[in-house]
């Protein structure tokens, strides 16, 4: 694995970016569903906001965002070895990307469109983040960013 040596603050900014956009996307989707969405015709419901599936979907999205926010805050304040700090950062990056993707998918499903967000040049592929976490936890191997 030849991953580039990207500094922790850069990776944390990627997580912050994704988390911010996940929150914005969730709010846009909430607003749309509250104001414009119609229930499935055969559901017998008067409003889409009464649909148990839609309600649980928003619960899931809220949990994903809160988990990402907690991991982001943990990584920001992390005190420990550089390897442990990089693992904490990778966890925040993965959780925030997962939250953003889940919000985007729900937004597409519930509103018929998806918000466009600018790409981040400093983003490492998520598969590298999983590798960093797994190799450190399983084998005690320092992340490659620390070896370069």
C-alpha atoms as a PDB file:
ATOM      1  CA  UNK A   1       0.000   0.000   0.000  1.00  0.00           C
ATOM      2  CA  UNK A   2       1.624   3.200  -1.152  1.00  0.00           C
ATOM      3  CA  UNK A   3      -0.534   5.801   0.491  1.00  0.00           C
ATOM      4  CA  UNK A   4       0.583   9.407   0.475  1.00  0.00           C
ATOM      5  CA  UNK A   5       1.728  10.986   3.714  1.00  0.00           C
ATOM      6  CA  UNK A   6      -1.173  13.304   4.386  1.00  0.00           C
ATOM      7  CA  UNK A   7      -1.048  15.261   7.618  1.00  0.00           C
ATOM      8  CA  UNK A   8      -3.634  14.657  10.314  1.00  0.00           C
ATOM      9  CA  UNK A   9      -5.061  18.201  10.155  1.00  0.00           C
ATOM     10  CA  UNK A  10      -5.756  17.683   6.457  1.00  0.00           C
ATOM     11  CA  UNK A  11      -7.595  14.433   7.115  1.00  0.00           C
ATOM     12  CA  UNK A  12      -9.537  16.023   9.966  1.00  0.00           C
ATOM     13  CA  UNK A  13     -10.599  18.807   7.618  1.00  0.00           C
ATOM     14  CA  UNK A  14     -11.935  16.145   5.236  1.00  0.00           C
ATOM     15  CA  UNK A  15     -13.991  14.680   8.094  1.00  0.00           C
ATOM     16  CA  UNK A  16     -15.236  18.145   9.098  1.00  0.00           C
ATOM     17  CA  UNK A  17     -16.210  18.895   5.497  1.00  0.00           C
ATOM     18  CA  UNK A  18     -18.172  15.659   5.150  1.00  0.00           C
ATOM     19  CA  UNK A  19     -19.834  16.129   8.528  1.00  0.00           C
ATOM     20  CA  UNK A  20     -20.888  19.692   7.690  1.00  0.00           C
ATOM     21  CA  UNK A  21     -22.350  18.602   4.361  1.00  0.00           C
ATOM     22  CA  UNK A  22     -24.106  15.624   5.951  1.00  0.00           C
ATOM     23  CA  UNK A  23     -25.781  17.966   8.428  1.00  0.00           C
ATOM     24  CA  UNK A  24     -26.778  20.381   5.664  1.00  0.00           C
ATOM     25  CA  UNK A  25     -28.101  17.572   3.476  1.00  0.00           C
ATOM     26  CA  UNK A  26     -30.098  16.146   6.359  1.00  0.00           C
ATOM     27  CA  UNK A  27     -31.670  19.533   7.043  1.00  0.00           C
ATOM     28  CA  UNK A  28     -32.548  20.028   3.368  1.00  0.00           C
ATOM     29  CA  UNK A  29     -34.120  16.578   3.262  1.00  0.00           C
ATOM     30  CA  UNK A  30     -36.063  17.166   6.488  1.00  0.00           C
ATOM     31  CA  UNK A  31     -37.376  20.455   5.128  1.00  0.00           C
ATOM     32  CA  UNK A  32     -38.436  18.877   1.838  1.00  0.00           C
ATOM     33  CA  UNK A  33     -40.184  15.926   3.444  1.00  0.00           C
ATOM     34  CA  UNK A  34     -41.998  18.179   5.924  1.00  0.00           C
ATOM     35  CA  UNK A  35     -43.152  20.645   3.264  1.00  0.00           C
ATOM     36  CA  UNK A  36     -43.502  18.762  -0.025  1.00  0.00           C
ATOM     37  CA  UNK A  37     -43.380  14.978   0.285  1.00  0.00           C
ATOM     38  CA  UNK A  38     -46.545  13.003  -0.186  1.00  0.00           C
ATOM     39  CA  UNK A  39     -47.225   9.630   1.407  1.00  0.00           C
ATOM     40  CA  UNK A  40     -47.265   6.466  -0.625  1.00  0.00           C
ATOM     41  CA  UNK A  41     -50.825   6.337  -2.041  1.00  0.00           C
ATOM     42  CA  UNK A  42     -51.714   2.925  -0.591  1.00  0.00           C
ATOM     43  CA  UNK A  43     -50.315   3.675   2.876  1.00  0.00           C
ATOM     44  CA  UNK A  44     -53.515   5.231   4.178  1.00  0.00           C
ATOM     45  CA  UNK A  45     -51.496   8.064   5.689  1.00  0.00           C
ATOM     46  CA  UNK A  46     -52.332  11.720   5.300  1.00  0.00           C
ATOM     47  CA  UNK A  47     -48.739  12.980   5.372  1.00  0.00           C
ATOM     48  CA  UNK A  48     -45.335  11.537   4.506  1.00  0.00           C
ATOM     49  CA  UNK A  49     -43.992  12.533   7.927  1.00  0.00           C
ATOM     50  CA  UNK A  50     -46.295   9.915   9.472  1.00  0.00           C
ATOM     51  CA  UNK A  51     -44.706   7.050   7.511  1.00  0.00           C
ATOM     52  CA  UNK A  52     -42.838   4.767   9.956  1.00  0.00           C
ATOM     53  CA  UNK A  53     -40.220   3.964   7.314  1.00  0.00           C
ATOM     54  CA  UNK A  54     -39.458   7.639   6.730  1.00  0.00           C
ATOM     55  CA  UNK A  55     -39.402   8.329  10.472  1.00  0.00           C
ATOM     56  CA  UNK A  56     -36.941   5.498  11.102  1.00  0.00           C
ATOM     57  CA  UNK A  57     -34.830   6.604   8.150  1.00  0.00           C
ATOM     58  CA  UNK A  58     -34.339  10.020   9.732  1.00  0.00           C
ATOM     59  CA  UNK A  59     -33.527   8.369  13.052  1.00  0.00           C
ATOM     60  CA  UNK A  60     -30.820   6.309  11.363  1.00  0.00           C
ATOM     61  CA  UNK A  61     -29.361   9.366   9.643  1.00  0.00           C
ATOM     62  CA  UNK A  62     -29.307  11.341  12.884  1.00  0.00           C
ATOM     63  CA  UNK A  63     -27.457   8.531  14.659  1.00  0.00           C
ATOM     64  CA  UNK A  64     -24.885   8.274  11.861  1.00  0.00           C
ATOM     65  CA  UNK A  65     -24.220  12.010  12.024  1.00  0.00           C
ATOM     66  CA  UNK A  66     -23.937  11.987  15.820  1.00  0.00           C
ATOM     67  CA  UNK A  67     -21.503   9.046  15.731  1.00  0.00           C
ATOM     68  CA  UNK A  68     -19.412  10.825  13.094  1.00  0.00           C
ATOM     69  CA  UNK A  69     -19.439  14.026  15.174  1.00  0.00           C
ATOM     70  CA  UNK A  70     -18.339  12.138  18.295  1.00  0.00           C
ATOM     71  CA  UNK A  71     -15.497  10.406  16.449  1.00  0.00           C
ATOM     72  CA  UNK A  72     -14.465  13.725  14.897  1.00  0.00           C
ATOM     73  CA  UNK A  73     -14.376  15.442  18.303  1.00  0.00           C
ATOM     74  CA  UNK A  74     -12.438  12.505  19.746  1.00  0.00           C
ATOM     75  CA  UNK A  75      -9.871  12.664  16.943  1.00  0.00           C
ATOM     76  CA  UNK A  76      -9.512  16.434  17.349  1.00  0.00           C
ATOM     77  CA  UNK A  77      -8.768  16.147  21.042  1.00  0.00           C
ATOM     78  CA  UNK A  78      -6.850  12.858  20.864  1.00  0.00           C
ATOM     79  CA  UNK A  79      -3.820  12.513  23.093  1.00  0.00           C
ATOM     80  CA  UNK A  80      -1.678   9.467  22.455  1.00  0.00           C
ATOM     81  CA  UNK A  81       0.877   8.018  20.095  1.00  0.00           C
ATOM     82  CA  UNK A  82       0.999   9.255  16.511  1.00  0.00           C
ATOM     83  CA  UNK A  83      -0.220   5.838  15.325  1.00  0.00           C
ATOM     84  CA  UNK A  84      -3.231   5.950  17.653  1.00  0.00           C
ATOM     85  CA  UNK A  85      -3.980   9.534  16.586  1.00  0.00           C
ATOM     86  CA  UNK A  86      -3.910   8.519  12.934  1.00  0.00           C
ATOM     87  CA  UNK A  87      -6.254   5.602  13.654  1.00  0.00           C
ATOM     88  CA  UNK A  88      -8.650   7.928  15.503  1.00  0.00           C
ATOM     89  CA  UNK A  89      -8.530  10.308  12.548  1.00  0.00           C
ATOM     90  CA  UNK A  90      -9.197   7.476  10.091  1.00  0.00           C
ATOM     91  CA  UNK A  91     -12.217   6.433  12.157  1.00  0.00           C
ATOM     92  CA  UNK A  92     -13.568   9.999  11.999  1.00  0.00           C
ATOM     93  CA  UNK A  93     -12.979  10.187   8.248  1.00  0.00           C
ATOM     94  CA  UNK A  94     -14.805   6.915   7.628  1.00  0.00           C
ATOM     95  CA  UNK A  95     -17.748   7.757   9.894  1.00  0.00           C
ATOM     96  CA  UNK A  96     -18.233  11.208   8.381  1.00  0.00           C
ATOM     97  CA  UNK A  97     -18.000   9.866   4.819  1.00  0.00           C
ATOM     98  CA  UNK A  98     -20.495   7.139   5.716  1.00  0.00           C
ATOM     99  CA  UNK A  99     -22.886   9.701   7.200  1.00  0.00           C
ATOM    100  CA  UNK A 100     -22.601  11.913   4.126  1.00  0.00           C
ATOM    101  CA  UNK A 101     -23.243   9.008   1.776  1.00  0.00           C
ATOM    102  CA  UNK A 102     -26.223   7.807   3.807  1.00  0.00           C
ATOM    103  CA  UNK A 103     -27.710  11.308   3.800  1.00  0.00           C
ATOM    104  CA  UNK A 104     -27.121  11.613   0.051  1.00  0.00           C
ATOM    105  CA  UNK A 105     -28.827   8.285  -0.569  1.00  0.00           C
ATOM    106  CA  UNK A 106     -31.811   9.246   1.584  1.00  0.00           C
ATOM    107  CA  UNK A 107     -31.955  12.644  -0.069  1.00  0.00           C
ATOM    108  CA  UNK A 108     -32.091  10.998  -3.497  1.00  0.00           C
ATOM    109  CA  UNK A 109     -34.732   8.528  -2.384  1.00  0.00           C
ATOM    110  CA  UNK A 110     -36.981  10.976  -0.521  1.00  0.00           C
ATOM    111  CA  UNK A 111     -36.609  14.135  -2.621  1.00  0.00           C
ATOM    112  CA  UNK A 112     -35.627  12.860  -6.058  1.00  0.00           C
ATOM    113  CA  UNK A 113     -32.352  14.801  -6.092  1.00  0.00           C
ATOM    114  CA  UNK A 114     -29.002  14.866  -4.383  1.00  0.00           C
ATOM    115  CA  UNK A 115     -26.949  17.880  -3.333  1.00  0.00           C
ATOM    116  CA  UNK A 116     -23.652  18.383  -5.125  1.00  0.00           C
ATOM    117  CA  UNK A 117     -20.624  18.953  -2.947  1.00  0.00           C
ATOM    118  CA  UNK A 118     -17.196  20.039  -4.129  1.00  0.00           C
ATOM    119  CA  UNK A 119     -14.618  17.254  -4.269  1.00  0.00           C
ATOM    120  CA  UNK A 120     -11.721  17.390  -1.853  1.00  0.00           C
ATOM    121  CA  UNK A 121      -8.254  17.140  -3.371  1.00  0.00           C
ATOM    122  CA  UNK A 122      -6.731  15.951  -0.076  1.00  0.00           C
ATOM    123  CA  UNK A 123      -9.001  12.929   0.265  1.00  0.00           C
ATOM    124  CA  UNK A 124      -7.385   9.536   0.538  1.00  0.00           C
ATOM    125  CA  UNK A 125      -9.470   6.584  -0.647  1.00  0.00           C
ATOM    126  CA  UNK A 126     -11.551   5.212   2.210  1.00  0.00           C
ATOM    127  CA  UNK A 127     -10.129   1.744   1.597  1.00  0.00           C
ATOM    128  CA  UNK A 128      -6.788   3.108   2.894  1.00  0.00           C
ATOM    129  CA  UNK A 129      -8.506   4.363   6.032  1.00  0.00           C
ATOM    130  CA  UNK A 130      -9.918   0.899   6.736  1.00  0.00           C
ATOM    131  CA  UNK A 131      -6.450  -0.586   6.138  1.00  0.00           C
ATOM    132  CA  UNK A 132      -4.874   1.845   8.621  1.00  0.00           C
ATOM    133  CA  UNK A 133      -7.389   0.970  11.322  1.00  0.00           C
ATOM    134  CA  UNK A 134      -7.381  -2.776  10.734  1.00  0.00           C
ATOM    135  CA  UNK A 135      -3.626  -3.196  10.466  1.00  0.00           C
ATOM    136  CA  UNK A 136      -3.006  -1.140  13.603  1.00  0.00           C
ATOM    137  CA  UNK A 137      -5.677  -2.923  15.650  1.00  0.00           C
ATOM    138  CA  UNK A 138      -4.986  -6.437  14.362  1.00  0.00           C
ATOM    139  CA  UNK A 139      -1.229  -6.440  13.855  1.00  0.00           C
ATOM    140  CA  UNK A 140       0.063  -3.415  15.773  1.00  0.00           C
ATOM    141  CA  UNK A 141       1.530  -2.093  12.507  1.00  0.00           C
ATOM    142  CA  UNK A 142       2.123   1.649  12.375  1.00  0.00           C
ATOM    143  CA  UNK A 143       0.222   3.390   9.596  1.00  0.00           C
ATOM    144  CA  UNK A 144       2.329   3.914   6.466  1.00  0.00           C
ATOM    145  CA  UNK A 145       2.016   7.694   6.806  1.00  0.00           C
ATOM    146  CA  UNK A 146       4.197   7.465   9.927  1.00  0.00           C
ATOM    147  CA  UNK A 147       6.836   5.320   8.240  1.00  0.00           C
ATOM    148  CA  UNK A 148       7.574   7.787   5.454  1.00  0.00           C
END
